[in-house]
Each structure stands twice: as C-alpha cells, then as structure tokens.
Amino acid sequence: MRLPMRSLGILLTSALALTACSSGGDDDAATTAGAASCAPSSGPVTLNYTTWIPGIENVVKVWNDANPNIQVKVQTGPNGNGGTYQNFFNQLKAGNAPDLGHIEYDALPSFRVQDGLENLAGCSEVTAAKDQFVDWTWGQVTFGEENSVYGIPQDAGPMALFYRKDLFEKNNIAIPTTWDEYAAAAEKVKAAGGYITNFSQSDINQFAGLAWQAGGRWFSNDGSKWTVNLADENTTKVANYWQGLLDKKLVSSVPPWTTEWDNAYNTSKAWTWVSAVWGANSIISGAPDTSGKWAVAPMPQWTAGGTVAGNWGGSATAVFKGSKHPYEAAKFALWLNTNEEALTLLNKEAQLYPATKAGASLPALKQGVDFYGGQAIYDVFAQASGQVAADFVWGPTMTSTYTSASDGFKGAVSGNGTLLDALKKAQTSTVETLKSQSIPVAE
C-alpha cells in the first residue's frame, strides 16, 4: 500500500514512543516509535467495547467464555454518525473513553488527527497479522505509514452490480460490463417501463465508492498539509456521467432507505443497484416479492476488459488513546476479526463481510443464496474485494464533507445546479472546515 499519508503523525499534538512487547511479556519488549505500550496487564482485565453491530453480544460471549481473565463488556448505541462518534469524542475529551470502539474507515482519520487512537504497531501479534487482511483494508488502518496500526480491519464493502436477471432476459437486454453499456441499457430499460437504478440523492458514500473505482482521489497529505480535490478529473467523469443519466431521466431519484425506495425495487421499477456486499440483505428485506429473480455481476468498467472495483463501507475495531489495557484490547480485536468462529457469527448476526483473506472462504459465504436464484453471490464480492485500489484516502472531516455534498446532490436531482457544482461547493466547505479546526491545508 502506498497511501500519501506517510507522515500524518506530524499533524498530531503528540506522538509517544513507548515500550512495546510481544505476547511473551516484558522480557520480550521491543521499542516501536509512536506505538502504545503492549505489555500484558497483571491480573484479570475487563475491557469496555462500544459498537452498533447487531447481535454482537453473542459473539463476545464466545470470547468471554474462553477468556475468564480478559472479559469484554459491550455497550451498544446508534451508528457512528447517528451519535456514537460524537460520544467517542466527548469521552476522549473527558478522559473516559472505552477501551475499544467500532469506527468506519472513513471516520478513522477524524480520530487520528485528534490523537484519539492508540498505535498498535508495538504489538507484535498485530503486525504479524498484516498478511491475513485484504491489502486495501490494512491500508485503511495504517494510512500507509511504517510502524503504524490504528485499528484492526473488521469488515469491507466491495461493490458489484445487483440486477434483475428475469427482467433483463425477458427484454433481451445484455448485462452491462462497461459504463457505456450501462447507459445504453438504461435507455432500453426506460423503454420497457422501468429505471435502470435509483441515484442516491443523499447517501454520498455510494458516490464515493463509484469515484474510488474510477480513480478519483479526494484527499492526500504530504506530511504537513492536506490537499482536498473532490472534483478531480476522474471524479468529474463520474459526476458528469450520472448527471447525464439524471438529465435524460433514465434513473429515478427516490431518497434511499425509505419505503418508497424499497417499493421501487419490490415492484420492478428499479432493475439494478450498484452496491456493496451488504446490499444483498437490503434487497432481500426491502424487496421480498422478487425472491429468485436477482443475480450479481461485477461492477461495470470504465475501460472494456477492466477489473477494478469500488468500495462502499467497512470498519475497524480501534483501541482508544488512554486505554489501560492496550495489549488485551488488541488481542480481543484480533480474535474478533480473524477467528473463524467469530467471523462466522459476525456474518450470521450482522451480515458483516470479513476483511480477512480467509474470510471469503467461510462456509456461509460459499453457499448459493436462494433469493439470488441459488447463485453463490459472495464469490463475486470476494473477487471484487481484491480489485479495490489501496490508495484511496479519507479526509479528517468526512461528516462535514458528506453533509455539504448531500445538500448539493439533492439540489442537482431537483434541477438546481449539477452534481459537479455540488462537489465543488463541498470542496470549498471542506477546506473551510479544516481551517476552522486548525488543520493545515494546501492552498
């Protein structure tokens, strides 16, 4: 991974060089600059872990039953942007943050620049686990820096094309393999009385995944300043493409995650969805009347014959600065995100798609899915996960960036401005936000 953030630590208010050790204890201690002390605690330990993963209590119980001296107490709450992230920041400021927290990849930089995360590079078990994870997910928690690990990758959101196989076959429309073919198919779908998809007017994360696939790179850092470019050449290409579909009324623009959105897919008004692996369950729950009629194919490509995928979502288990038990916290986080039993339960309880390479081979992910006509759909996502570029960097104020872009996208959908206008305004707003927080920005 070669992320342009090798010296992000310069931006932090402190970088501690503490003694670290392997699982052998203090006698095996080794020093890693900027890393937390990874010495085991003496005596029994209770860790506090905050997350919003459904059914997480059942997963943690397996750990607690097997590890009486390292018990994990779970607190659940709303999703990150729904309140949990703000709670984390408040707790860090007050000095009472939990030992571990669930943080999405796009939010990690926000905590990093606030010096809120322990660097786990001093834990030999953590650094030794690097090769167990899909390359790009490891890049998300290390920022491409040497001797830096700011979380353990948990899940990923590789993207693919969900499509109504029955409708495409009935209308003799070929499954698009390129974005040009997708636009051509949209014309035929419209003629057949439907929309090829729904363009999300508020969930900018999907658009970020589309830009990621196309080579858009929104943020970079040279070790002293951030560069923001939400309208770079490749992102502009993506914005103009979707603007063209909107202008021709070839896509619908129903607000996502609403009953109206579900109905569009359940009543055959929307024929495809370019989405992440977790989208499989969204369609199952939102469009139950279409069971057996869907299939999954790779994302359309910008270049014929290409093999590039985007990512939408994914998260890590991080250890917060100030934890008195970073060794035990790291040990639990590794188990949670690499142990086969834990990964199987996480998939069963919350449909999380593992960030580990071996996770793609879990028995539960190799089976055919009845709703998708018996297709082993996760094979498509396993391939896509290995096709996600590792050099996409998130900025440190993504919540603000998303809000600004979302407001502009809503306007563009209603004919007030364009998607590209919205991105340019979001860029200006993002730069102003960075400056207001005294985060250095390149002019």
Foldseek 3Di string as FASTA:
>chain_A
DAAQCQQVVLLAPDFAWDWAAEPVAPVRIDTFTRADHQGFDPWAEEFEEEEAQFPVVVLQVVVCVVCVRYHYDYDYDDHCVVPPVVVQVVCVVVLRHTQKYWFWLLQVLLCVSHQWFGFHLRYPVQVVCQQQFQPLQQCSQQVNYPSGGFFAFAFWWWKWKKFQQVVCVVQVQDDAQALVSLLVVLVSVVVVPAAQEADALAFCLVLVQVLLQQPDAAWHDNNAAIEGDLCPPSSVVSQVSVLVCLVVVSHHHDHPPDLVRLVCLQVVRHTMDTTTPVVVVVNCVSRVNQFQRMAIGGHHHNDPPDQAIGIRITIGMTGTPNDPNNNSSVVVRCCCQRPLVNLVVSCVRRVGQGRTLCSCVRPVQQWFDRSRNRDSRSVNSSSSSNRRDNHHDHDNPVVQLSVQLSVVSNCQSVPNDGSSVSSVRSRVRVVVVCVVVVHHHDD
